[in-house]
Amino acid sequence: MSDTAGMSTPPAPSGEREGTNWIELAAAILLGLSGILTAYAAYNGALAGGDALKAYTESSRLNNDANSEYIDYAQTYASDQSVFLQYQILVERGEQDTADVVKSDIMSLELETALDAWLAIPQGEGPLNPLAMEEYVVPQYDRYVELADQASSTFTKAQEIDDQGDNFDLAAVYLAVSLFFAGIAALFKVRVLQIAMLVASFLLVFPGLEAIGQGKGWI
């Protein structure tokens, strides 16, 4: 039997094996790190997206409620304005008894309260009608202001959460590219290219971490 048949391929030099193992180990570490961070960013991004949607929906509901209250207020104001006009016409005609009936039986409590305060002011020193008095308070208007403020605050909160979600999405992009570079590093045969891919993968982890920190409010 020929001696060459039993010969095996000579082992690679120990320095080359150690270099290859080092690169594979570094690539594996970066793959694991980037993979975990990518999953973390994607999870938090999904949570932020859901929370932002809930906040936008709540803001829309509050806006609708506020608009409904304002419509009720506008109708009440128009009705009180019409009743006061009738009252004032009767007063100008000298029909005070009839005007008093309008005041006691037809006027809303809010208008009646404001009218009493308005009549107590010397003529010419107060507003033109009691509807401009501070005492004229329509509950629907107060509820409208409260709901409108809540809607604005909720919408601002929704925008902040949405921005946090954008940061998590950006982090996922950086980390996905980091995963790509770490994954292909070991495929190259040229040592310089392998190291370059690992360095690029390592450096991309930092903007990914920064984006996560911004999304969590740590930065």
N, C-alpha and C. Protein backbone atom coordinates (compact mmCIF):
# COMPACT_ATOMS: atom_id res chain seq x y z
N MET A 1 0.86 -1.19 0.00
CA MET A 1 0.00 0.00 0.00
C MET A 1 0.89 1.24 0.00
N SER A 2 0.46 2.21 -0.75
CA SER A 2 1.27 3.42 -0.86
C SER A 2 1.27 4.18 0.44
N ASP A 3 2.38 4.78 0.77
CA ASP A 3 2.47 5.57 2.02
C ASP A 3 1.59 6.81 1.97
N THR A 4 1.37 7.30 0.73
CA THR A 4 0.58 8.55 0.62
C THR A 4 -0.87 8.32 0.97
N ALA A 5 -1.38 7.06 0.84
CA ALA A 5 -2.78 6.79 1.13
C ALA A 5 -3.09 6.98 2.59
N GLY A 6 -2.16 6.76 3.46
CA GLY A 6 -2.41 6.88 4.90
C GLY A 6 -2.10 8.24 5.45
N MET A 7 -1.63 9.11 4.58
CA MET A 7 -1.27 10.44 5.07
C MET A 7 -2.52 11.30 5.27
N SER A 8 -2.61 12.08 6.33
CA SER A 8 -3.71 12.98 6.61
C SER A 8 -3.29 14.41 6.37
N THR A 9 -4.32 15.27 6.21
CA THR A 9 -4.03 16.69 5.98
C THR A 9 -3.36 17.27 7.20
N PRO A 10 -2.29 17.93 7.03
CA PRO A 10 -1.58 18.49 8.20
C PRO A 10 -2.45 19.50 8.90
N PRO A 11 -2.46 19.52 10.22
CA PRO A 11 -3.29 20.46 10.99
C PRO A 11 -2.87 21.90 10.72
N ALA A 12 -3.87 22.78 10.81
CA ALA A 12 -3.58 24.20 10.60
C ALA A 12 -2.69 24.69 11.71
N PRO A 13 -1.88 25.64 11.43
CA PRO A 13 -1.02 26.21 12.47
C PRO A 13 -1.85 26.69 13.65
N SER A 14 -1.28 26.52 14.83
CA SER A 14 -2.02 26.86 16.05
C SER A 14 -2.42 28.33 16.08
N GLY A 15 -1.58 29.20 15.56
CA GLY A 15 -1.90 30.63 15.55
C GLY A 15 -3.12 30.91 14.72
N GLU A 16 -3.26 30.21 13.57
CA GLU A 16 -4.43 30.43 12.72
C GLU A 16 -5.68 29.93 13.39
N ARG A 17 -5.61 28.77 14.06
CA ARG A 17 -6.79 28.23 14.74
C ARG A 17 -7.22 29.14 15.88
N GLU A 18 -6.26 29.65 16.63
CA GLU A 18 -6.59 30.52 17.74
C GLU A 18 -7.24 31.81 17.24
N GLY A 19 -6.73 32.34 16.11
CA GLY A 19 -7.31 33.56 15.56
C GLY A 19 -8.72 33.33 15.09
N THR A 20 -8.93 32.18 14.43
CA THR A 20 -10.27 31.86 13.96
C THR A 20 -11.23 31.67 15.13
N ASN A 21 -10.78 30.97 16.17
CA ASN A 21 -11.63 30.76 17.33
C ASN A 21 -11.97 32.08 18.01
N TRP A 22 -11.01 33.00 18.07
CA TRP A 22 -11.25 34.30 18.70
C TRP A 22 -12.32 35.08 17.93
N ILE A 23 -12.22 35.04 16.62
CA ILE A 23 -13.19 35.76 15.79
C ILE A 23 -14.57 35.13 15.93
N GLU A 24 -14.64 33.82 15.91
CA GLU A 24 -15.93 33.14 16.06
C GLU A 24 -16.55 33.42 17.42
N LEU A 25 -15.70 33.44 18.47
CA LEU A 25 -16.20 33.72 19.81
C LEU A 25 -16.75 35.15 19.90
N ALA A 26 -15.99 36.11 19.35
CA ALA A 26 -16.44 37.51 19.38
C ALA A 26 -17.72 37.67 18.59
N ALA A 27 -17.81 37.00 17.44
CA ALA A 27 -19.02 37.08 16.62
C ALA A 27 -20.21 36.49 17.37
N ALA A 28 -19.99 35.39 18.06
CA ALA A 28 -21.08 34.75 18.82
C ALA A 28 -21.56 35.65 19.94
N ILE A 29 -20.61 36.31 20.64
CA ILE A 29 -20.99 37.21 21.73
C ILE A 29 -21.80 38.39 21.19
N LEU A 30 -21.33 38.98 20.07
CA LEU A 30 -22.04 40.11 19.49
C LEU A 30 -23.42 39.70 18.96
N LEU A 31 -23.49 38.49 18.40
CA LEU A 31 -24.78 38.00 17.94
C LEU A 31 -25.76 37.86 19.09
N GLY A 32 -25.28 37.30 20.18
CA GLY A 32 -26.15 37.12 21.34
C GLY A 32 -26.57 38.45 21.95
N LEU A 33 -25.60 39.36 22.10
CA LEU A 33 -25.90 40.66 22.69
C LEU A 33 -26.86 41.46 21.82
N SER A 34 -26.55 41.53 20.53
CA SER A 34 -27.42 42.29 19.62
C SER A 34 -28.79 41.66 19.51
N GLY A 35 -28.84 40.32 19.53
CA GLY A 35 -30.12 39.65 19.45
C GLY A 35 -31.00 39.95 20.64
N ILE A 36 -30.42 39.91 21.85
CA ILE A 36 -31.19 40.20 23.06
C ILE A 36 -31.68 41.64 23.05
N LEU A 37 -30.78 42.56 22.69
CA LEU A 37 -31.16 43.98 22.67
C LEU A 37 -32.20 44.26 21.59
N THR A 38 -32.10 43.58 20.46
CA THR A 38 -33.09 43.76 19.40
C THR A 38 -34.47 43.30 19.87
N ALA A 39 -34.50 42.15 20.53
CA ALA A 39 -35.78 41.66 21.05
C ALA A 39 -36.33 42.61 22.11
N TYR A 40 -35.45 43.14 22.95
CA TYR A 40 -35.89 44.08 23.99
C TYR A 40 -36.46 45.35 23.37
N ALA A 41 -35.78 45.89 22.35
CA ALA A 41 -36.25 47.10 21.68
C ALA A 41 -37.57 46.85 20.96
N ALA A 42 -37.67 45.70 20.30
CA ALA A 42 -38.91 45.39 19.57
C ALA A 42 -40.08 45.22 20.53
N TYR A 43 -39.83 44.59 21.67
CA TYR A 43 -40.90 44.39 22.67
C TYR A 43 -41.39 45.73 23.22
N ASN A 44 -40.44 46.57 23.60
CA ASN A 44 -40.82 47.88 24.14
C ASN A 44 -41.44 48.77 23.08
N GLY A 45 -40.99 48.63 21.83
CA GLY A 45 -41.60 49.39 20.75
C GLY A 45 -43.05 48.99 20.54
N ALA A 46 -43.32 47.68 20.63
CA ALA A 46 -44.69 47.21 20.48
C ALA A 46 -45.57 47.71 21.63
N LEU A 47 -45.02 47.69 22.86
CA LEU A 47 -45.77 48.21 24.00
C LEU A 47 -46.07 49.70 23.83
N ALA A 48 -45.05 50.45 23.40
CA ALA A 48 -45.24 51.89 23.21
C ALA A 48 -46.28 52.17 22.14
N GLY A 49 -46.26 51.38 21.07
CA GLY A 49 -47.24 51.57 20.01
C GLY A 49 -48.66 51.34 20.51
N GLY A 50 -48.83 50.29 21.32
CA GLY A 50 -50.15 50.02 21.88
C GLY A 50 -50.61 51.09 22.85
N ASP A 51 -49.69 51.56 23.69
CA ASP A 51 -50.04 52.60 24.65
C ASP A 51 -50.36 53.91 23.94
N ALA A 52 -49.60 54.22 22.88
CA ALA A 52 -49.86 55.45 22.13
C ALA A 52 -51.24 55.40 21.46
N LEU A 53 -51.57 54.24 20.92
CA LEU A 53 -52.88 54.09 20.28
C LEU A 53 -54.01 54.26 21.30
N LYS A 54 -53.83 53.69 22.49
CA LYS A 54 -54.84 53.85 23.53
C LYS A 54 -54.99 55.32 23.92
N ALA A 55 -53.85 56.01 24.04
CA ALA A 55 -53.90 57.42 24.44
C ALA A 55 -54.55 58.28 23.36
N TYR A 56 -54.23 58.00 22.09
CA TYR A 56 -54.86 58.75 20.99
C TYR A 56 -56.38 58.50 20.98
N THR A 57 -56.77 57.26 21.21
CA THR A 57 -58.19 56.93 21.25
C THR A 57 -58.89 57.64 22.40
N GLU A 58 -58.24 57.64 23.57
CA GLU A 58 -58.81 58.33 24.74
C GLU A 58 -58.91 59.82 24.49
N SER A 59 -57.89 60.40 23.85
CA SER A 59 -57.93 61.83 23.53
C SER A 59 -59.08 62.15 22.58
N SER A 60 -59.28 61.29 21.60
CA SER A 60 -60.39 61.50 20.66
C SER A 60 -61.74 61.41 21.37
N ARG A 61 -61.87 60.46 22.30
CA ARG A 61 -63.13 60.31 23.04
C ARG A 61 -63.38 61.55 23.90
N LEU A 62 -62.33 62.03 24.55
CA LEU A 62 -62.47 63.22 25.40
C LEU A 62 -62.84 64.44 24.56
N ASN A 63 -62.27 64.53 23.37
CA ASN A 63 -62.61 65.64 22.48
C ASN A 63 -64.08 65.59 22.08
N ASN A 64 -64.55 64.39 21.79
CA ASN A 64 -65.97 64.24 21.42
C ASN A 64 -66.88 64.64 22.59
N ASP A 65 -66.50 64.20 23.79
CA ASP A 65 -67.29 64.56 24.97
C ASP A 65 -67.26 66.07 25.20
N ALA A 66 -66.09 66.67 25.00
CA ALA A 66 -65.97 68.12 25.19
C ALA A 66 -66.83 68.87 24.17
N ASN A 67 -66.81 68.41 22.94
CA ASN A 67 -67.64 69.05 21.91
C ASN A 67 -69.13 68.93 22.24
N SER A 68 -69.51 67.78 22.77
CA SER A 68 -70.91 67.58 23.15
C SER A 68 -71.31 68.54 24.26
N GLU A 69 -70.43 68.71 25.24
CA GLU A 69 -70.71 69.63 26.34
C GLU A 69 -70.78 71.08 25.82
N TYR A 70 -69.92 71.41 24.86
CA TYR A 70 -69.93 72.77 24.33
C TYR A 70 -71.22 73.04 23.55
N ILE A 71 -71.69 72.05 22.83
CA ILE A 71 -72.96 72.20 22.10
C ILE A 71 -74.10 72.45 23.08
N ASP A 72 -74.10 71.67 24.19
CA ASP A 72 -75.12 71.88 25.22
C ASP A 72 -75.03 73.28 25.81
N TYR A 73 -73.79 73.72 26.05
CA TYR A 73 -73.59 75.06 26.59
C TYR A 73 -74.09 76.12 25.62
N ALA A 74 -73.76 75.96 24.34
CA ALA A 74 -74.18 76.94 23.33
C ALA A 74 -75.70 77.01 23.24
N GLN A 75 -76.36 75.88 23.33
CA GLN A 75 -77.82 75.86 23.30
C GLN A 75 -78.41 76.55 24.53
N THR A 76 -77.80 76.28 25.71
CA THR A 76 -78.27 76.92 26.94
C THR A 76 -78.06 78.42 26.88
N TYR A 77 -76.91 78.83 26.37
CA TYR A 77 -76.60 80.26 26.26
C TYR A 77 -77.59 80.95 25.32
N ALA A 78 -77.85 80.32 24.19
CA ALA A 78 -78.79 80.92 23.23
C ALA A 78 -80.19 81.01 23.83
N SER A 79 -80.60 79.98 24.57
CA SER A 79 -81.92 80.00 25.20
C SER A 79 -82.00 81.09 26.26
N ASP A 80 -80.95 81.20 27.10
CA ASP A 80 -80.94 82.23 28.14
C ASP A 80 -80.90 83.63 27.53
N GLN A 81 -80.19 83.76 26.45
CA GLN A 81 -80.13 85.05 25.77
C GLN A 81 -81.51 85.47 25.27
N SER A 82 -82.24 84.50 24.70
CA SER A 82 -83.58 84.78 24.20
C SER A 82 -84.54 85.12 25.34
N VAL A 83 -84.45 84.39 26.45
CA VAL A 83 -85.33 84.64 27.60
C VAL A 83 -85.03 86.01 28.19
N PHE A 84 -83.73 86.34 28.32
CA PHE A 84 -83.40 87.67 28.87
C PHE A 84 -83.91 88.77 27.96
N LEU A 85 -83.84 88.57 26.66
CA LEU A 85 -84.35 89.58 25.72
C LEU A 85 -85.84 89.81 25.94
N GLN A 86 -86.57 88.71 26.10
CA GLN A 86 -88.01 88.83 26.37
C GLN A 86 -88.24 89.58 27.70
N TYR A 87 -87.47 89.23 28.70
CA TYR A 87 -87.60 89.89 30.01
C TYR A 87 -87.33 91.38 29.87
N GLN A 88 -86.26 91.74 29.19
CA GLN A 88 -85.89 93.14 29.08
C GLN A 88 -86.92 93.94 28.28
N ILE A 89 -87.50 93.32 27.25
CA ILE A 89 -88.54 93.99 26.47
C ILE A 89 -89.75 94.30 27.35
N LEU A 90 -90.13 93.33 28.18
CA LEU A 90 -91.26 93.53 29.09
C LEU A 90 -90.96 94.64 30.09
N VAL A 91 -89.72 94.69 30.58
CA VAL A 91 -89.34 95.75 31.52
C VAL A 91 -89.41 97.11 30.84
N GLU A 92 -88.90 97.18 29.61
CA GLU A 92 -88.91 98.45 28.89
C GLU A 92 -90.34 98.91 28.60
N ARG A 93 -91.25 97.96 28.45
CA ARG A 93 -92.65 98.31 28.21
C ARG A 93 -93.39 98.68 29.50
N GLY A 94 -92.74 98.47 30.61
CA GLY A 94 -93.39 98.75 31.89
C GLY A 94 -94.20 97.60 32.42
N GLU A 95 -94.08 96.45 31.80
CA GLU A 95 -94.83 95.27 32.25
C GLU A 95 -93.98 94.48 33.24
N GLN A 96 -93.71 95.09 34.38
CA GLN A 96 -92.80 94.49 35.35
C GLN A 96 -93.35 93.19 35.94
N ASP A 97 -94.67 93.13 36.17
CA ASP A 97 -95.25 91.91 36.73
C ASP A 97 -95.03 90.72 35.80
N THR A 98 -95.28 90.94 34.52
CA THR A 98 -95.06 89.86 33.55
C THR A 98 -93.58 89.51 33.46
N ALA A 99 -92.74 90.54 33.52
CA ALA A 99 -91.29 90.30 33.49
C ALA A 99 -90.86 89.46 34.68
N ASP A 100 -91.47 89.74 35.86
CA ASP A 100 -91.12 88.95 37.05
C ASP A 100 -91.56 87.50 36.90
N VAL A 101 -92.68 87.28 36.23
CA VAL A 101 -93.13 85.91 35.98
C VAL A 101 -92.12 85.20 35.08
N VAL A 102 -91.65 85.88 34.06
CA VAL A 102 -90.63 85.30 33.17
C VAL A 102 -89.37 84.97 33.97
N LYS A 103 -89.01 85.88 34.86
CA LYS A 103 -87.81 85.68 35.68
C LYS A 103 -87.93 84.48 36.61
N SER A 104 -89.08 84.35 37.25
CA SER A 104 -89.23 83.29 38.25
C SER A 104 -89.60 81.94 37.65
N ASP A 105 -90.35 81.95 36.54
CA ASP A 105 -90.89 80.70 36.01
C ASP A 105 -90.18 80.18 34.76
N ILE A 106 -89.54 81.06 34.02
CA ILE A 106 -88.97 80.64 32.73
C ILE A 106 -87.44 80.65 32.74
N MET A 107 -86.88 81.64 33.41
CA MET A 107 -85.42 81.74 33.40
C MET A 107 -84.77 80.54 34.05
N SER A 108 -83.60 80.20 33.53
CA SER A 108 -82.79 79.17 34.18
C SER A 108 -82.21 79.73 35.47
N LEU A 109 -81.84 78.85 36.38
CA LEU A 109 -81.28 79.28 37.66
C LEU A 109 -80.00 80.09 37.44
N GLU A 110 -79.18 79.68 36.46
CA GLU A 110 -77.93 80.38 36.19
C GLU A 110 -78.20 81.82 35.74
N LEU A 111 -79.17 81.98 34.84
CA LEU A 111 -79.49 83.32 34.35
C LEU A 111 -80.12 84.16 35.44
N GLU A 112 -81.00 83.56 36.24
CA GLU A 112 -81.66 84.30 37.31
C GLU A 112 -80.63 84.82 38.32
N THR A 113 -79.67 83.97 38.67
CA THR A 113 -78.62 84.37 39.61
C THR A 113 -77.81 85.53 39.04
N ALA A 114 -77.44 85.42 37.76
CA ALA A 114 -76.66 86.47 37.13
C ALA A 114 -77.47 87.75 36.99
N LEU A 115 -78.78 87.62 36.74
CA LEU A 115 -79.64 88.80 36.58
C LEU A 115 -79.75 89.57 37.90
N ASP A 116 -79.88 88.85 38.99
CA ASP A 116 -79.95 89.52 40.30
C ASP A 116 -78.68 90.32 40.56
N ALA A 117 -77.53 89.72 40.24
CA ALA A 117 -76.26 90.43 40.43
C ALA A 117 -76.15 91.62 39.48
N TRP A 118 -76.65 91.44 38.28
CA TRP A 118 -76.58 92.52 37.27
C TRP A 118 -77.47 93.69 37.65
N LEU A 119 -78.67 93.40 38.17
CA LEU A 119 -79.59 94.47 38.58
C LEU A 119 -79.09 95.24 39.79
N ALA A 120 -78.21 94.60 40.57
CA ALA A 120 -77.67 95.27 41.76
C ALA A 120 -76.59 96.28 41.42
N ILE A 121 -76.08 96.24 40.20
CA ILE A 121 -75.03 97.16 39.77
C ILE A 121 -75.69 98.45 39.27
N PRO A 122 -75.17 99.60 39.64
CA PRO A 122 -75.72 100.86 39.12
C PRO A 122 -75.73 100.85 37.59
N GLN A 123 -76.77 101.37 37.01
CA GLN A 123 -76.93 101.35 35.56
C GLN A 123 -75.77 102.07 34.88
N GLY A 124 -75.24 101.44 33.87
CA GLY A 124 -74.13 102.01 33.10
C GLY A 124 -72.76 101.60 33.59
N GLU A 125 -72.68 100.96 34.76
CA GLU A 125 -71.38 100.57 35.32
C GLU A 125 -71.05 99.10 35.08
N GLY A 126 -72.03 98.32 34.74
CA GLY A 126 -71.80 96.89 34.53
C GLY A 126 -71.82 96.53 33.06
N PRO A 127 -71.73 95.24 32.75
CA PRO A 127 -71.82 94.79 31.35
C PRO A 127 -73.20 95.05 30.77
N LEU A 128 -73.32 94.88 29.48
CA LEU A 128 -74.58 95.19 28.80
C LEU A 128 -75.70 94.23 29.17
N ASN A 129 -75.38 93.03 29.55
CA ASN A 129 -76.41 92.06 29.92
C ASN A 129 -75.85 91.10 30.96
N PRO A 130 -76.70 90.42 31.68
CA PRO A 130 -76.24 89.53 32.77
C PRO A 130 -75.46 88.32 32.28
N LEU A 131 -75.56 88.01 31.00
CA LEU A 131 -74.84 86.84 30.50
C LEU A 131 -73.33 87.07 30.49
N ALA A 132 -72.93 88.35 30.62
CA ALA A 132 -71.50 88.66 30.68
C ALA A 132 -70.99 88.76 32.11
N MET A 133 -71.86 88.52 33.07
CA MET A 133 -71.47 88.58 34.48
C MET A 133 -70.71 87.32 34.90
N GLU A 134 -69.84 87.49 35.90
CA GLU A 134 -69.12 86.34 36.44
C GLU A 134 -70.07 85.35 37.09
N GLU A 135 -71.19 85.86 37.57
CA GLU A 135 -72.16 84.99 38.23
C GLU A 135 -72.89 84.07 37.26
N TYR A 136 -72.81 84.39 35.98
CA TYR A 136 -73.47 83.52 34.99
C TYR A 136 -72.53 82.34 34.68
N VAL A 137 -72.79 81.25 35.33
CA VAL A 137 -71.95 80.06 35.20
C VAL A 137 -72.81 78.91 34.70
N VAL A 138 -72.45 78.40 33.54
CA VAL A 138 -73.16 77.27 32.95
C VAL A 138 -72.32 76.01 33.17
N PRO A 139 -72.84 75.01 33.89
CA PRO A 139 -72.05 73.81 34.19
C PRO A 139 -71.48 73.14 32.95
N GLN A 140 -72.23 73.15 31.87
CA GLN A 140 -71.75 72.50 30.65
C GLN A 140 -70.45 73.12 30.14
N TYR A 141 -70.34 74.44 30.32
CA TYR A 141 -69.12 75.11 29.85
C TYR A 141 -67.92 74.70 30.70
N ASP A 142 -68.13 74.60 32.02
CA ASP A 142 -67.04 74.17 32.90
C ASP A 142 -66.61 72.74 32.55
N ARG A 143 -67.58 71.88 32.27
CA ARG A 143 -67.23 70.51 31.89
C ARG A 143 -66.52 70.48 30.54
N TYR A 144 -66.95 71.36 29.64
CA TYR A 144 -66.28 71.46 28.33
C TYR A 144 -64.81 71.84 28.51
N VAL A 145 -64.54 72.84 29.33
CA VAL A 145 -63.15 73.28 29.55
C VAL A 145 -62.34 72.16 30.18
N GLU A 146 -62.92 71.48 31.17
CA GLU A 146 -62.21 70.39 31.84
C GLU A 146 -61.90 69.26 30.87
N LEU A 147 -62.88 68.86 30.09
CA LEU A 147 -62.67 67.76 29.13
C LEU A 147 -61.71 68.15 28.03
N ALA A 148 -61.78 69.40 27.58
CA ALA A 148 -60.85 69.87 26.54
C ALA A 148 -59.42 69.86 27.05
N ASP A 149 -59.22 70.26 28.31
CA ASP A 149 -57.88 70.23 28.90
C ASP A 149 -57.38 68.79 29.03
N GLN A 150 -58.26 67.90 29.43
CA GLN A 150 -57.88 66.49 29.55
C GLN A 150 -57.52 65.91 28.18
N ALA A 151 -58.30 66.27 27.17
CA ALA A 151 -58.03 65.78 25.82
C ALA A 151 -56.68 66.27 25.32
N SER A 152 -56.38 67.54 25.58
CA SER A 152 -55.10 68.10 25.15
C SER A 152 -53.94 67.43 25.88
N SER A 153 -54.11 67.23 27.19
CA SER A 153 -53.06 66.57 27.98
C SER A 153 -52.85 65.13 27.53
N THR A 154 -53.94 64.42 27.26
CA THR A 154 -53.83 63.03 26.82
C THR A 154 -53.19 62.93 25.45
N PHE A 155 -53.51 63.88 24.57
CA PHE A 155 -52.92 63.87 23.24
C PHE A 155 -51.41 64.13 23.32
N THR A 156 -51.01 65.05 24.20
CA THR A 156 -49.57 65.31 24.39
C THR A 156 -48.87 64.07 24.91
N LYS A 157 -49.51 63.37 25.86
CA LYS A 157 -48.95 62.13 26.39
C LYS A 157 -48.82 61.08 25.29
N ALA A 158 -49.83 61.00 24.43
CA ALA A 158 -49.80 60.04 23.32
C ALA A 158 -48.63 60.33 22.38
N GLN A 159 -48.38 61.62 22.12
CA GLN A 159 -47.26 61.99 21.26
C GLN A 159 -45.93 61.61 21.90
N GLU A 160 -45.82 61.81 23.21
CA GLU A 160 -44.58 61.44 23.91
C GLU A 160 -44.34 59.93 23.84
N ILE A 161 -45.40 59.15 24.05
CA ILE A 161 -45.27 57.69 23.97
C ILE A 161 -44.92 57.27 22.55
N ASP A 162 -45.53 57.93 21.58
CA ASP A 162 -45.25 57.63 20.18
C ASP A 162 -43.79 57.90 19.85
N ASP A 163 -43.26 59.01 20.39
CA ASP A 163 -41.85 59.33 20.18
C ASP A 163 -40.95 58.28 20.83
N GLN A 164 -41.34 57.79 21.99
CA GLN A 164 -40.58 56.72 22.63
C GLN A 164 -40.56 55.47 21.75
N GLY A 165 -41.71 55.15 21.18
CA GLY A 165 -41.78 54.01 20.28
C GLY A 165 -40.88 54.18 19.07
N ASP A 166 -40.79 55.41 18.55
CA ASP A 166 -39.89 55.68 17.42
C ASP A 166 -38.44 55.42 17.80
N ASN A 167 -38.08 55.77 19.04
CA ASN A 167 -36.71 55.51 19.50
C ASN A 167 -36.43 54.01 19.57
N PHE A 168 -37.40 53.24 20.04
CA PHE A 168 -37.21 51.79 20.08
C PHE A 168 -37.10 51.21 18.67
N ASP A 169 -37.88 51.73 17.75
CA ASP A 169 -37.78 51.27 16.36
C ASP A 169 -36.41 51.58 15.78
N LEU A 170 -35.90 52.78 16.09
CA LEU A 170 -34.57 53.16 15.62
C LEU A 170 -33.51 52.24 16.22
N ALA A 171 -33.66 51.93 17.51
CA ALA A 171 -32.72 51.01 18.17
C ALA A 171 -32.73 49.65 17.48
N ALA A 172 -33.90 49.17 17.13
CA ALA A 172 -34.01 47.87 16.47
C ALA A 172 -33.29 47.88 15.13
N VAL A 173 -33.33 49.00 14.42
CA VAL A 173 -32.64 49.10 13.12
C VAL A 173 -31.13 49.01 13.32
N TYR A 174 -30.60 49.80 14.27
CA TYR A 174 -29.15 49.75 14.54
C TYR A 174 -28.72 48.34 14.93
N LEU A 175 -29.49 47.72 15.81
CA LEU A 175 -29.10 46.41 16.32
C LEU A 175 -29.27 45.32 15.28
N ALA A 176 -30.23 45.49 14.38
CA ALA A 176 -30.39 44.51 13.31
C ALA A 176 -29.18 44.55 12.36
N VAL A 177 -28.70 45.75 12.08
CA VAL A 177 -27.50 45.88 11.24
C VAL A 177 -26.29 45.31 11.98
N SER A 178 -26.24 45.54 13.30
CA SER A 178 -25.17 44.96 14.10
C SER A 178 -25.19 43.44 14.02
N LEU A 179 -26.38 42.88 14.09
CA LEU A 179 -26.52 41.42 13.94
C LEU A 179 -26.00 40.95 12.59
N PHE A 180 -26.32 41.71 11.55
CA PHE A 180 -25.90 41.34 10.20
C PHE A 180 -24.39 41.29 10.09
N PHE A 181 -23.72 42.34 10.58
CA PHE A 181 -22.26 42.39 10.49
C PHE A 181 -21.61 41.28 11.31
N ALA A 182 -22.16 41.03 12.51
CA ALA A 182 -21.60 39.95 13.33
C ALA A 182 -21.83 38.59 12.69
N GLY A 183 -22.94 38.43 12.00
CA GLY A 183 -23.25 37.15 11.39
C GLY A 183 -22.38 36.82 10.20
N ILE A 184 -21.95 37.83 9.45
CA ILE A 184 -21.15 37.56 8.26
C ILE A 184 -19.66 37.67 8.52
N ALA A 185 -19.28 38.10 9.73
CA ALA A 185 -17.85 38.29 10.01
C ALA A 185 -17.05 37.00 9.81
N ALA A 186 -17.57 35.90 10.31
CA ALA A 186 -16.83 34.63 10.25
C ALA A 186 -16.83 34.02 8.84
N LEU A 187 -17.65 34.57 7.94
CA LEU A 187 -17.71 34.00 6.58
C LEU A 187 -16.55 34.45 5.71
N PHE A 188 -15.96 35.58 6.07
CA PHE A 188 -14.83 36.07 5.28
C PHE A 188 -13.58 35.29 5.63
N LYS A 189 -12.71 35.13 4.63
CA LYS A 189 -11.45 34.43 4.83
C LYS A 189 -10.32 35.40 5.14
N VAL A 190 -10.53 36.65 4.79
CA VAL A 190 -9.50 37.66 5.03
C VAL A 190 -9.66 38.20 6.45
N ARG A 191 -8.59 38.11 7.22
CA ARG A 191 -8.66 38.50 8.62
C ARG A 191 -9.06 39.96 8.80
N VAL A 192 -8.57 40.83 7.94
CA VAL A 192 -8.87 42.26 8.06
C VAL A 192 -10.37 42.51 7.91
N LEU A 193 -10.99 41.83 6.95
CA LEU A 193 -12.43 42.00 6.74
C LEU A 193 -13.22 41.44 7.92
N GLN A 194 -12.77 40.33 8.47
CA GLN A 194 -13.46 39.76 9.64
C GLN A 194 -13.45 40.74 10.81
N ILE A 195 -12.27 41.29 11.07
CA ILE A 195 -12.15 42.23 12.18
C ILE A 195 -12.98 43.49 11.90
N ALA A 196 -12.97 43.95 10.64
CA ALA A 196 -13.74 45.15 10.29
C ALA A 196 -15.24 44.93 10.53
N MET A 197 -15.73 43.76 10.16
CA MET A 197 -17.14 43.45 10.39
C MET A 197 -17.46 43.40 11.89
N LEU A 198 -16.56 42.82 12.67
CA LEU A 198 -16.79 42.75 14.11
C LEU A 198 -16.77 44.14 14.75
N VAL A 199 -15.84 44.96 14.31
CA VAL A 199 -15.76 46.33 14.84
C VAL A 199 -17.04 47.10 14.50
N ALA A 200 -17.48 46.97 13.24
CA ALA A 200 -18.71 47.66 12.83
C ALA A 200 -19.90 47.17 13.65
N SER A 201 -19.97 45.86 13.87
CA SER A 201 -21.05 45.30 14.66
C SER A 201 -21.01 45.83 16.09
N PHE A 202 -19.82 45.89 16.65
CA PHE A 202 -19.65 46.37 18.03
C PHE A 202 -20.03 47.84 18.15
N LEU A 203 -19.60 48.66 17.19
CA LEU A 203 -19.87 50.09 17.26
C LEU A 203 -21.37 50.39 17.10
N LEU A 204 -22.07 49.58 16.31
CA LEU A 204 -23.50 49.82 16.10
C LEU A 204 -24.34 49.50 17.33
N VAL A 205 -23.77 48.76 18.27
CA VAL A 205 -24.50 48.47 19.50
C VAL A 205 -24.73 49.75 20.31
N PHE A 206 -23.77 50.68 20.25
CA PHE A 206 -23.85 51.88 21.09
C PHE A 206 -24.99 52.82 20.69
N PRO A 207 -25.15 53.17 19.40
CA PRO A 207 -26.34 53.99 19.07
C PRO A 207 -27.65 53.24 19.34
N GLY A 208 -27.61 51.91 19.25
CA GLY A 208 -28.80 51.14 19.60
C GLY A 208 -29.12 51.28 21.08
N LEU A 209 -28.09 51.20 21.92
CA LEU A 209 -28.29 51.38 23.36
C LEU A 209 -28.75 52.81 23.68
N GLU A 210 -28.19 53.78 22.97
CA GLU A 210 -28.59 55.17 23.19
C GLU A 210 -30.07 55.37 22.84
N ALA A 211 -30.50 54.79 21.72
CA ALA A 211 -31.91 54.92 21.33
C ALA A 211 -32.82 54.24 22.34
N ILE A 212 -32.39 53.09 22.86
CA ILE A 212 -33.19 52.43 23.89
C ILE A 212 -33.29 53.31 25.13
N GLY A 213 -32.14 53.92 25.52
CA GLY A 213 -32.14 54.80 26.68
C GLY A 213 -33.07 55.99 26.51
N GLN A 214 -33.11 56.54 25.29
CA GLN A 214 -34.01 57.65 25.01
C GLN A 214 -35.47 57.19 25.06
N GLY A 215 -35.71 55.99 24.55
CA GLY A 215 -37.07 55.47 24.58
C GLY A 215 -37.55 55.21 26.01
N LYS A 216 -36.65 54.78 26.89
CA LYS A 216 -37.02 54.51 28.27
C LYS A 216 -36.99 55.76 29.12
N GLY A 217 -36.47 56.86 28.57
CA GLY A 217 -36.40 58.09 29.33
C GLY A 217 -35.17 58.17 30.23
N TRP A 218 -34.19 57.30 29.99
CA TRP A 218 -32.97 57.32 30.79
C TRP A 218 -32.01 58.41 30.35
N ILE A 219 -32.16 58.85 29.11
CA ILE A 219 -31.26 59.86 28.54
C ILE A 219 -32.07 61.11 28.21
